[in-house]
């Protein structure tokens, strides 16, 4: 969770709120708040240092015989003389809006996950149906494959022997049985 310091008091509430809707997985929350009224700015002036600068300027004018006037705005822009302080403001209305917005985002995330889960379930069912169909086709084709192998083997042996020697049917059936046994896996 990343958020401005002034809203760190909401961290536990936000975690509990999100965990009501999202139980699994990792959720990152980035809170950015922009606009007026988030900080109170005040100008702090070191009056002692300002007076010291003014006195030293007056002394320098006398010593150097310079009549150039002192620019007060120039002195106030000196970083040691004037400082702008920012105090973060904690707003109950803004905190309520943050909690409401976070809850809305968590609900939308949950709905998106449910929609995605339904789509995945449908996809899995379709793929499982396809696998079952292919497995049925394969099981129906298996006996034909064994018979086709038997016929091809007979034909090749006959061609090899050029029909001069008869094929021993027992040996041929043994080879076909070995092939059929291997093809079951």
N, C-alpha and C. Protein backbone atom coordinates (compact mmCIF):
# COMPACT_ATOMS: atom_id res chain seq x y z
N UNK A 1 0.84 -1.16 0.00
CA UNK A 1 0.00 0.00 0.00
C UNK A 1 0.90 1.24 0.00
N UNK A 2 0.63 2.14 -0.92
CA UNK A 2 1.38 3.39 -0.98
C UNK A 2 0.38 4.54 -0.98
N UNK A 3 0.60 5.46 -0.05
CA UNK A 3 -0.32 6.59 0.07
C UNK A 3 0.39 7.75 0.77
N UNK A 4 -0.17 8.94 0.64
CA UNK A 4 0.41 10.09 1.35
C UNK A 4 0.37 9.86 2.87
N UNK A 5 1.34 10.45 3.55
CA UNK A 5 1.46 10.25 5.00
C UNK A 5 0.18 10.59 5.75
N UNK A 6 -0.50 11.64 5.32
CA UNK A 6 -1.67 12.07 6.10
C UNK A 6 -2.81 11.05 6.06
N UNK A 7 -2.70 10.04 5.19
CA UNK A 7 -3.76 9.02 5.12
C UNK A 7 -3.31 7.65 5.62
N UNK A 8 -2.14 7.59 6.21
CA UNK A 8 -1.64 6.31 6.72
C UNK A 8 -2.57 5.73 7.80
N UNK A 9 -3.31 6.60 8.49
CA UNK A 9 -4.23 6.11 9.50
C UNK A 9 -5.35 5.25 8.89
N UNK A 10 -5.54 5.33 7.58
CA UNK A 10 -6.57 4.55 6.89
C UNK A 10 -6.08 3.17 6.45
N UNK A 11 -4.79 2.91 6.57
CA UNK A 11 -4.22 1.68 5.99
C UNK A 11 -4.93 0.41 6.47
N UNK A 12 -5.11 0.26 7.76
CA UNK A 12 -5.77 -0.96 8.28
C UNK A 12 -7.21 -1.06 7.79
N UNK A 13 -7.92 0.06 7.77
CA UNK A 13 -9.31 0.04 7.30
C UNK A 13 -9.37 -0.37 5.84
N UNK A 14 -8.44 0.15 5.04
CA UNK A 14 -8.43 -0.19 3.62
C UNK A 14 -8.11 -1.66 3.40
N UNK A 15 -7.15 -2.20 4.17
CA UNK A 15 -6.81 -3.62 4.04
C UNK A 15 -8.01 -4.50 4.39
N UNK A 16 -8.69 -4.18 5.48
CA UNK A 16 -9.86 -4.96 5.89
C UNK A 16 -10.97 -4.85 4.84
N UNK A 17 -11.14 -3.67 4.32
CA UNK A 17 -12.19 -3.46 3.32
C UNK A 17 -11.93 -4.28 2.06
N UNK A 18 -10.70 -4.27 1.58
CA UNK A 18 -10.36 -5.02 0.37
C UNK A 18 -10.43 -6.52 0.64
N UNK A 19 -9.99 -6.96 1.83
CA UNK A 19 -9.99 -8.39 2.13
C UNK A 19 -11.40 -8.96 2.26
N UNK A 20 -12.41 -8.12 2.44
CA UNK A 20 -13.80 -8.63 2.43
C UNK A 20 -14.20 -9.13 1.05
N UNK A 21 -13.58 -8.57 0.01
CA UNK A 21 -13.95 -8.92 -1.36
C UNK A 21 -12.91 -9.81 -2.04
N UNK A 22 -11.65 -9.65 -1.68
CA UNK A 22 -10.57 -10.37 -2.34
C UNK A 22 -9.84 -11.21 -1.28
N UNK A 23 -9.98 -12.55 -1.39
CA UNK A 23 -9.34 -13.42 -0.41
C UNK A 23 -8.03 -14.01 -0.93
N UNK A 24 -7.88 -14.12 -2.23
CA UNK A 24 -6.69 -14.77 -2.80
C UNK A 24 -5.92 -13.78 -3.66
N UNK A 25 -4.62 -13.99 -3.69
CA UNK A 25 -3.79 -13.18 -4.58
C UNK A 25 -3.23 -11.96 -3.87
N UNK A 26 -2.52 -11.18 -4.62
CA UNK A 26 -1.87 -9.98 -4.09
C UNK A 26 -2.57 -8.76 -4.68
N UNK A 27 -2.83 -7.80 -3.83
CA UNK A 27 -3.47 -6.57 -4.26
C UNK A 27 -2.57 -5.41 -3.84
N UNK A 28 -2.20 -4.58 -4.79
CA UNK A 28 -1.44 -3.37 -4.49
C UNK A 28 -2.38 -2.18 -4.55
N UNK A 29 -2.29 -1.32 -3.57
CA UNK A 29 -3.13 -0.12 -3.53
C UNK A 29 -2.20 1.08 -3.57
N UNK A 30 -2.42 1.93 -4.56
CA UNK A 30 -1.68 3.18 -4.69
C UNK A 30 -2.69 4.31 -4.57
N UNK A 31 -2.55 5.11 -3.55
CA UNK A 31 -3.47 6.20 -3.30
C UNK A 31 -2.76 7.51 -3.60
N UNK A 32 -3.31 8.26 -4.54
CA UNK A 32 -2.78 9.56 -4.87
C UNK A 32 -3.92 10.56 -4.72
N UNK A 33 -3.68 11.60 -3.96
CA UNK A 33 -4.71 12.62 -3.74
C UNK A 33 -4.12 13.94 -4.19
N UNK A 34 -4.87 14.62 -5.05
CA UNK A 34 -4.41 15.91 -5.56
C UNK A 34 -5.51 16.94 -5.37
N UNK A 35 -5.10 18.18 -5.30
CA UNK A 35 -6.10 19.24 -5.23
C UNK A 35 -5.87 20.17 -4.07
N UNK A 36 -6.73 21.15 -3.98
CA UNK A 36 -6.65 22.16 -2.93
C UNK A 36 -7.12 21.58 -1.60
N UNK A 37 -6.65 22.17 -0.55
CA UNK A 37 -7.13 21.80 0.77
C UNK A 37 -6.47 20.58 1.38
N UNK A 38 -5.45 20.03 0.74
CA UNK A 38 -4.76 18.88 1.31
C UNK A 38 -3.66 19.28 2.27
N UNK A 39 -3.13 20.49 2.07
CA UNK A 39 -2.09 21.00 2.96
C UNK A 39 -2.42 22.44 3.32
N UNK A 40 -2.00 22.81 4.51
CA UNK A 40 -2.16 24.19 4.96
C UNK A 40 -0.76 24.80 4.94
N UNK A 41 -0.62 25.89 4.20
CA UNK A 41 0.69 26.51 4.06
C UNK A 41 0.74 27.79 4.90
N UNK A 42 1.88 27.94 5.55
CA UNK A 42 2.11 29.15 6.32
C UNK A 42 3.52 29.64 6.04
N UNK A 43 3.68 30.94 6.14
CA UNK A 43 4.97 31.56 5.90
C UNK A 43 5.60 31.85 7.26
N UNK A 44 6.78 31.32 7.47
CA UNK A 44 7.49 31.56 8.71
C UNK A 44 8.67 32.48 8.40
N UNK A 45 8.73 33.59 9.12
CA UNK A 45 9.79 34.58 8.90
C UNK A 45 10.68 34.63 10.15
N UNK A 46 11.98 34.57 9.92
CA UNK A 46 12.94 34.74 11.00
C UNK A 46 13.19 36.24 11.12
N UNK A 47 12.42 36.87 11.99
CA UNK A 47 12.45 38.33 12.10
C UNK A 47 13.82 38.82 12.58
N UNK A 48 14.44 38.10 13.45
CA UNK A 48 15.76 38.50 13.95
C UNK A 48 16.76 38.53 12.81
N UNK A 49 16.76 37.49 11.99
CA UNK A 49 17.69 37.43 10.86
C UNK A 49 17.36 38.51 9.83
N UNK A 50 16.08 38.77 9.60
CA UNK A 50 15.67 39.82 8.66
C UNK A 50 16.17 41.18 9.13
N UNK A 51 16.00 41.46 10.42
CA UNK A 51 16.48 42.73 10.96
C UNK A 51 18.00 42.83 10.86
N UNK A 52 18.67 41.68 11.09
CA UNK A 52 20.13 41.65 10.99
C UNK A 52 20.57 41.96 9.55
N UNK A 53 19.90 41.35 8.56
CA UNK A 53 20.21 41.64 7.16
C UNK A 53 19.99 43.13 6.87
N UNK A 54 18.90 43.68 7.38
CA UNK A 54 18.57 45.08 7.11
C UNK A 54 19.63 46.01 7.70
N UNK A 55 20.03 45.70 8.96
CA UNK A 55 21.05 46.52 9.62
C UNK A 55 22.39 46.43 8.89
N UNK A 56 22.75 45.22 8.48
CA UNK A 56 24.02 45.04 7.77
C UNK A 56 23.98 45.75 6.41
N UNK A 57 22.83 45.78 5.78
CA UNK A 57 22.69 46.49 4.51
C UNK A 57 22.88 47.99 4.73
N UNK A 58 22.27 48.50 5.80
CA UNK A 58 22.41 49.93 6.11
C UNK A 58 23.87 50.27 6.41
N UNK A 59 24.56 49.41 7.16
CA UNK A 59 25.98 49.64 7.45
C UNK A 59 26.81 49.61 6.16
N UNK A 60 26.49 48.66 5.28
CA UNK A 60 27.23 48.55 4.02
C UNK A 60 27.01 49.79 3.17
N UNK A 61 25.80 50.37 3.18
CA UNK A 61 25.54 51.59 2.40
C UNK A 61 26.41 52.75 2.92
N UNK A 62 26.51 52.87 4.26
CA UNK A 62 27.31 53.95 4.84
C UNK A 62 28.79 53.76 4.51
N UNK A 63 29.29 52.55 4.71
CA UNK A 63 30.71 52.28 4.50
C UNK A 63 31.12 52.44 3.04
N UNK A 64 30.26 51.93 2.17
CA UNK A 64 30.61 51.94 0.75
C UNK A 64 30.05 53.17 0.03
N UNK A 65 29.31 53.98 0.76
CA UNK A 65 28.69 55.18 0.22
C UNK A 65 27.85 54.85 -1.02
N UNK A 66 27.00 53.84 -0.83
CA UNK A 66 26.09 53.42 -1.89
C UNK A 66 24.69 53.83 -1.47
N UNK A 67 23.95 54.39 -2.40
CA UNK A 67 22.59 54.85 -2.07
C UNK A 67 21.51 53.94 -2.64
N UNK A 68 21.91 52.81 -3.13
CA UNK A 68 20.94 51.87 -3.71
C UNK A 68 19.99 51.40 -2.60
N UNK A 69 18.67 51.50 -2.86
CA UNK A 69 17.71 51.11 -1.82
C UNK A 69 17.68 49.58 -1.64
N UNK A 70 17.31 49.17 -0.44
CA UNK A 70 17.22 47.76 -0.12
C UNK A 70 15.87 47.22 -0.58
N UNK A 71 15.90 46.14 -1.31
CA UNK A 71 14.67 45.50 -1.78
C UNK A 71 14.21 44.49 -0.75
N UNK A 72 13.09 44.78 -0.13
CA UNK A 72 12.57 43.90 0.92
C UNK A 72 12.18 42.53 0.37
N UNK A 73 11.59 42.49 -0.84
CA UNK A 73 11.20 41.18 -1.41
C UNK A 73 12.43 40.31 -1.66
N UNK A 74 13.56 40.95 -1.95
CA UNK A 74 14.79 40.19 -2.16
C UNK A 74 15.25 39.53 -0.86
N UNK A 75 15.11 40.24 0.23
CA UNK A 75 15.46 39.69 1.54
C UNK A 75 14.52 38.55 1.92
N UNK A 76 13.25 38.70 1.62
CA UNK A 76 12.27 37.67 1.99
C UNK A 76 12.45 36.40 1.16
N UNK A 77 13.06 36.51 -0.01
CA UNK A 77 13.30 35.32 -0.83
C UNK A 77 14.53 34.54 -0.37
N UNK A 78 15.28 35.10 0.54
CA UNK A 78 16.45 34.38 1.06
C UNK A 78 15.95 33.17 1.85
N UNK A 79 16.48 31.94 1.56
CA UNK A 79 15.94 30.72 2.18
C UNK A 79 16.07 30.67 3.70
N UNK A 80 16.99 31.43 4.27
CA UNK A 80 17.14 31.40 5.73
C UNK A 80 16.21 32.40 6.41
N UNK A 81 15.71 33.36 5.67
CA UNK A 81 14.85 34.39 6.26
C UNK A 81 13.39 33.94 6.26
N UNK A 82 12.92 33.47 5.12
CA UNK A 82 11.51 33.08 5.01
C UNK A 82 11.41 31.63 4.55
N UNK A 83 10.53 30.90 5.20
CA UNK A 83 10.32 29.49 4.88
C UNK A 83 8.83 29.23 4.80
N UNK A 84 8.43 28.46 3.79
CA UNK A 84 7.03 28.08 3.68
C UNK A 84 6.87 26.72 4.35
N UNK A 85 6.02 26.66 5.34
CA UNK A 85 5.75 25.42 6.06
C UNK A 85 4.44 24.82 5.55
N UNK A 86 4.44 23.52 5.34
CA UNK A 86 3.23 22.84 4.90
C UNK A 86 2.80 21.87 5.98
N UNK A 87 1.56 21.98 6.37
CA UNK A 87 0.99 21.06 7.35
C UNK A 87 -0.12 20.30 6.63
N UNK A 88 0.01 18.98 6.66
CA UNK A 88 -1.00 18.15 5.98
C UNK A 88 -2.29 18.17 6.78
N UNK A 89 -3.37 18.25 6.07
CA UNK A 89 -4.69 18.32 6.69
C UNK A 89 -5.37 16.97 6.57
N UNK A 90 -5.89 16.49 7.68
CA UNK A 90 -6.67 15.25 7.67
C UNK A 90 -8.14 15.63 7.59
N UNK A 91 -8.76 15.15 6.52
CA UNK A 91 -10.16 15.49 6.30
C UNK A 91 -11.02 14.23 6.43
N UNK A 92 -12.03 14.28 7.29
CA UNK A 92 -12.93 13.13 7.46
C UNK A 92 -13.73 12.88 6.18
N UNK A 93 -14.15 13.94 5.50
CA UNK A 93 -14.90 13.77 4.25
C UNK A 93 -14.05 13.08 3.20
N UNK A 94 -12.78 13.49 3.12
CA UNK A 94 -11.88 12.88 2.15
C UNK A 94 -11.60 11.43 2.51
N UNK A 95 -11.43 11.15 3.80
CA UNK A 95 -11.22 9.77 4.25
C UNK A 95 -12.42 8.90 3.90
N UNK A 96 -13.61 9.42 4.08
CA UNK A 96 -14.83 8.68 3.73
C UNK A 96 -14.88 8.40 2.24
N UNK A 97 -14.52 9.41 1.45
CA UNK A 97 -14.49 9.23 -0.02
C UNK A 97 -13.45 8.19 -0.43
N UNK A 98 -12.31 8.19 0.23
CA UNK A 98 -11.25 7.22 -0.08
C UNK A 98 -11.74 5.80 0.22
N UNK A 99 -12.37 5.62 1.37
CA UNK A 99 -12.89 4.30 1.74
C UNK A 99 -13.97 3.85 0.75
N UNK A 100 -14.84 4.75 0.37
CA UNK A 100 -15.91 4.40 -0.57
C UNK A 100 -15.34 4.04 -1.94
N UNK A 101 -14.37 4.81 -2.39
CA UNK A 101 -13.75 4.55 -3.69
C UNK A 101 -13.00 3.22 -3.69
N UNK A 102 -12.32 2.94 -2.59
CA UNK A 102 -11.58 1.68 -2.47
C UNK A 102 -12.55 0.50 -2.48
N UNK A 103 -13.67 0.63 -1.79
CA UNK A 103 -14.66 -0.45 -1.77
C UNK A 103 -15.22 -0.67 -3.18
N UNK A 104 -15.51 0.40 -3.87
CA UNK A 104 -16.02 0.28 -5.24
C UNK A 104 -14.99 -0.42 -6.14
N UNK A 105 -13.72 -0.06 -6.01
CA UNK A 105 -12.67 -0.69 -6.81
C UNK A 105 -12.54 -2.18 -6.47
N UNK A 106 -12.66 -2.52 -5.19
CA UNK A 106 -12.56 -3.93 -4.78
C UNK A 106 -13.73 -4.73 -5.34
N UNK A 107 -14.92 -4.16 -5.33
CA UNK A 107 -16.11 -4.84 -5.88
C UNK A 107 -15.93 -5.05 -7.38
N UNK A 108 -15.45 -4.04 -8.08
CA UNK A 108 -15.23 -4.16 -9.52
C UNK A 108 -14.16 -5.20 -9.83
N UNK A 109 -13.11 -5.26 -9.01
CA UNK A 109 -12.07 -6.27 -9.20
C UNK A 109 -12.64 -7.67 -8.99
N UNK A 110 -13.45 -7.83 -7.96
CA UNK A 110 -14.09 -9.12 -7.70
C UNK A 110 -14.98 -9.53 -8.87
N UNK A 111 -15.77 -8.61 -9.38
CA UNK A 111 -16.64 -8.90 -10.52
C UNK A 111 -15.82 -9.28 -11.75
N UNK A 112 -14.73 -8.57 -11.98
CA UNK A 112 -13.87 -8.88 -13.12
C UNK A 112 -13.27 -10.27 -12.96
N UNK A 113 -12.83 -10.61 -11.75
CA UNK A 113 -12.27 -11.94 -11.51
C UNK A 113 -13.31 -13.03 -11.72
N UNK A 114 -14.54 -12.77 -11.27
CA UNK A 114 -15.60 -13.77 -11.45
C UNK A 114 -15.91 -13.97 -12.93
N UNK A 115 -15.95 -12.88 -13.67
CA UNK A 115 -16.21 -12.96 -15.11
C UNK A 115 -15.08 -13.73 -15.79
N UNK A 116 -13.84 -13.43 -15.43
CA UNK A 116 -12.69 -14.12 -16.01
C UNK A 116 -12.71 -15.60 -15.63
N UNK A 117 -13.07 -15.89 -14.38
CA UNK A 117 -13.15 -17.28 -13.93
C UNK A 117 -14.21 -18.06 -14.70
N UNK A 118 -15.35 -17.44 -14.95
CA UNK A 118 -16.41 -18.10 -15.73
C UNK A 118 -15.94 -18.38 -17.15
N UNK A 119 -15.24 -17.42 -17.74
CA UNK A 119 -14.71 -17.61 -19.10
C UNK A 119 -13.68 -18.74 -19.13
N UNK A 120 -12.83 -18.80 -18.11
CA UNK A 120 -11.83 -19.88 -18.04
C UNK A 120 -12.51 -21.24 -17.85
N UNK A 121 -13.54 -21.29 -17.01
CA UNK A 121 -14.25 -22.56 -16.78
C UNK A 121 -14.87 -23.05 -18.09
N UNK A 122 -15.50 -22.14 -18.83
CA UNK A 122 -16.09 -22.51 -20.12
C UNK A 122 -15.02 -23.01 -21.08
N UNK A 123 -13.87 -22.31 -21.12
CA UNK A 123 -12.77 -22.71 -21.99
C UNK A 123 -12.27 -24.11 -21.60
N UNK A 124 -12.11 -24.36 -20.29
CA UNK A 124 -11.66 -25.68 -19.84
C UNK A 124 -12.66 -26.76 -20.24
N UNK A 125 -13.95 -26.49 -20.10
CA UNK A 125 -14.98 -27.47 -20.46
C UNK A 125 -14.92 -27.79 -21.95
N UNK A 126 -14.75 -26.75 -22.77
CA UNK A 126 -14.68 -26.96 -24.21
C UNK A 126 -13.43 -27.78 -24.58
N UNK A 127 -12.31 -27.47 -23.95
CA UNK A 127 -11.08 -28.20 -24.24
C UNK A 127 -11.18 -29.65 -23.76
N UNK A 128 -11.80 -29.87 -22.61
CA UNK A 128 -11.98 -31.22 -22.09
C UNK A 128 -12.88 -32.03 -23.02
N UNK A 129 -13.92 -31.39 -23.51
CA UNK A 129 -14.82 -32.06 -24.46
C UNK A 129 -14.06 -32.45 -25.73
N UNK A 130 -13.21 -31.58 -26.21
CA UNK A 130 -12.41 -31.85 -27.41
C UNK A 130 -11.45 -33.02 -27.16
N UNK A 131 -10.81 -33.04 -25.97
CA UNK A 131 -9.88 -34.12 -25.64
C UNK A 131 -10.65 -35.45 -25.57
N UNK A 132 -11.82 -35.43 -24.96
CA UNK A 132 -12.62 -36.66 -24.87
C UNK A 132 -13.01 -37.16 -26.27
N UNK A 133 -13.39 -36.22 -27.14
CA UNK A 133 -13.76 -36.58 -28.50
C UNK A 133 -12.58 -37.20 -29.25
N UNK A 134 -11.40 -36.58 -29.09
CA UNK A 134 -10.20 -37.12 -29.74
C UNK A 134 -9.83 -38.48 -29.18
N UNK A 135 -9.98 -38.66 -27.87
CA UNK A 135 -9.66 -39.95 -27.25
C UNK A 135 -10.62 -41.03 -27.78
N UNK A 136 -11.89 -40.70 -27.96
CA UNK A 136 -12.86 -41.65 -28.51
C UNK A 136 -12.49 -42.01 -29.94
N UNK A 137 -12.13 -41.02 -30.75
CA UNK A 137 -11.71 -41.27 -32.13
C UNK A 137 -10.50 -42.20 -32.17
N UNK A 138 -9.54 -41.94 -31.29
CA UNK A 138 -8.33 -42.77 -31.26
C UNK A 138 -8.67 -44.20 -30.87
N UNK A 139 -9.53 -44.35 -29.85
CA UNK A 139 -9.88 -45.71 -29.42
C UNK A 139 -10.65 -46.47 -30.51
N UNK A 140 -11.41 -45.75 -31.33
CA UNK A 140 -12.14 -46.39 -32.42
C UNK A 140 -11.21 -46.74 -33.59
N UNK A 141 -10.17 -45.95 -33.75
CA UNK A 141 -9.23 -46.18 -34.85
C UNK A 141 -8.19 -47.25 -34.51
N UNK A 142 -7.95 -47.54 -33.24
CA UNK A 142 -6.89 -48.46 -32.83
C UNK A 142 -7.01 -49.84 -33.49
N UNK A 143 -8.17 -50.51 -33.50
CA UNK A 143 -8.24 -51.82 -34.15
C UNK A 143 -7.94 -51.76 -35.65
N UNK A 144 -8.35 -50.69 -36.28
CA UNK A 144 -8.09 -50.54 -37.72
C UNK A 144 -6.60 -50.38 -37.99
N UNK A 145 -5.90 -49.71 -37.07
CA UNK A 145 -4.46 -49.49 -37.23
C UNK A 145 -3.74 -50.83 -37.17
N UNK A 146 -4.15 -51.68 -36.22
CA UNK A 146 -3.52 -53.00 -36.09
C UNK A 146 -3.76 -53.82 -37.35
N UNK A 147 -4.99 -53.80 -37.84
CA UNK A 147 -5.33 -54.56 -39.05
C UNK A 147 -4.55 -54.01 -40.26
N UNK A 148 -4.46 -52.69 -40.36
CA UNK A 148 -3.73 -52.08 -41.47
C UNK A 148 -2.24 -52.44 -41.39
N UNK A 149 -1.71 -52.46 -40.18
CA UNK A 149 -0.30 -52.84 -40.01
C UNK A 149 -0.09 -54.29 -40.43
N UNK A 150 -1.03 -55.15 -40.04
CA UNK A 150 -0.94 -56.56 -40.41
C UNK A 150 -0.92 -56.70 -41.93
N UNK A 151 -1.83 -56.02 -42.60
CA UNK A 151 -1.90 -56.09 -44.07
C UNK A 151 -0.63 -55.54 -44.72
N UNK A 152 -0.13 -54.42 -44.20
CA UNK A 152 1.11 -53.84 -44.76
C UNK A 152 2.29 -54.77 -44.56
N UNK A 153 2.34 -55.38 -43.39
CA UNK A 153 3.45 -56.29 -43.09
C UNK A 153 3.41 -57.51 -44.01
N UNK A 154 2.21 -58.05 -44.21
CA UNK A 154 2.07 -59.20 -45.12
C UNK A 154 2.50 -58.80 -46.52
N UNK A 155 2.02 -57.66 -46.97
CA UNK A 155 2.34 -57.21 -48.32
C UNK A 155 3.84 -57.01 -48.50
N UNK A 156 4.50 -56.40 -47.51
CA UNK A 156 5.94 -56.15 -47.62
C UNK A 156 6.74 -57.44 -47.60
N UNK A 157 6.31 -58.36 -46.76
CA UNK A 157 7.02 -59.64 -46.69
C UNK A 157 6.86 -60.38 -48.01
N UNK A 158 5.63 -60.40 -48.54
CA UNK A 158 5.37 -61.08 -49.82
C UNK A 158 6.20 -60.44 -50.92
N UNK A 159 6.23 -59.11 -50.93
CA UNK A 159 7.02 -58.41 -51.94
C UNK A 159 8.51 -58.74 -51.77
N UNK A 160 8.95 -58.79 -50.49
CA UNK A 160 10.35 -59.07 -50.23
C UNK A 160 10.74 -60.47 -50.72
N UNK A 161 9.88 -61.39 -50.46
CA UNK A 161 10.18 -62.77 -50.87
C UNK A 161 9.76 -63.05 -52.31
N UNK A 162 9.13 -62.09 -52.89
CA UNK A 162 8.69 -62.19 -54.28
C UNK A 162 7.77 -63.39 -54.49
N UNK A 163 7.04 -63.72 -53.42
CA UNK A 163 6.05 -64.78 -53.52
C UNK A 163 6.61 -66.18 -53.58
N UNK A 164 7.90 -66.42 -53.44
CA UNK A 164 8.48 -67.75 -53.57
C UNK A 164 8.35 -68.57 -52.29
N UNK A 165 8.35 -67.88 -51.12
CA UNK A 165 8.27 -68.60 -49.86
C UNK A 165 7.01 -68.17 -49.14
N UNK A 166 6.33 -69.14 -48.52
CA UNK A 166 5.12 -68.82 -47.78
C UNK A 166 5.49 -68.20 -46.43
N UNK A 167 4.65 -67.33 -45.99
CA UNK A 167 4.89 -66.65 -44.71
C UNK A 167 4.33 -67.50 -43.59
N UNK A 168 5.12 -67.60 -42.54
CA UNK A 168 4.67 -68.36 -41.38
C UNK A 168 3.66 -67.49 -40.63
N UNK A 169 2.42 -67.93 -40.65
CA UNK A 169 1.32 -67.14 -40.09
C UNK A 169 1.50 -66.89 -38.60
N UNK A 170 2.01 -67.85 -37.85
CA UNK A 170 2.21 -67.69 -36.40
C UNK A 170 3.18 -66.58 -36.07
N UNK A 171 4.29 -66.54 -36.82
CA UNK A 171 5.30 -65.49 -36.60
C UNK A 171 4.73 -64.13 -36.94
N UNK A 172 4.00 -64.07 -38.01
CA UNK A 172 3.37 -62.83 -38.44
C UNK A 172 2.38 -62.33 -37.39
N UNK A 173 1.58 -63.24 -36.85
CA UNK A 173 0.61 -62.86 -35.82
C UNK A 173 1.31 -62.39 -34.55
N UNK A 174 2.46 -62.98 -34.23
CA UNK A 174 3.23 -62.56 -33.05
C UNK A 174 3.69 -61.12 -33.22
N UNK A 175 4.22 -60.78 -34.42
CA UNK A 175 4.67 -59.41 -34.70
C UNK A 175 3.51 -58.43 -34.61
N UNK A 176 2.38 -58.82 -35.15
CA UNK A 176 1.19 -57.95 -35.11
C UNK A 176 0.74 -57.76 -33.67
N UNK A 177 0.77 -58.84 -32.85
CA UNK A 177 0.38 -58.74 -31.44
C UNK A 177 1.31 -57.81 -30.68
N UNK A 178 2.63 -57.88 -30.95
CA UNK A 178 3.59 -56.98 -30.30
C UNK A 178 3.29 -55.54 -30.67
N UNK A 179 3.02 -55.33 -31.96
CA UNK A 179 2.68 -53.97 -32.39
C UNK A 179 1.41 -53.48 -31.73
N UNK A 180 0.39 -54.33 -31.66
CA UNK A 180 -0.88 -53.94 -31.04
C UNK A 180 -0.68 -53.61 -29.57
N UNK A 181 0.16 -54.39 -28.89
CA UNK A 181 0.41 -54.17 -27.47
C UNK A 181 1.11 -52.82 -27.28
N UNK A 182 2.06 -52.50 -28.12
CA UNK A 182 2.77 -51.22 -28.03
C UNK A 182 1.86 -50.06 -28.37
N UNK A 183 0.94 -50.25 -29.28
CA UNK A 183 0.09 -49.15 -29.72
C UNK A 183 -0.97 -48.78 -28.71
N UNK A 184 -1.18 -49.59 -27.67
CA UNK A 184 -2.17 -49.26 -26.64
C UNK A 184 -1.71 -48.08 -25.80
N UNK A 185 -0.44 -47.83 -25.73
CA UNK A 185 0.07 -46.77 -24.88
C UNK A 185 0.18 -45.52 -25.67
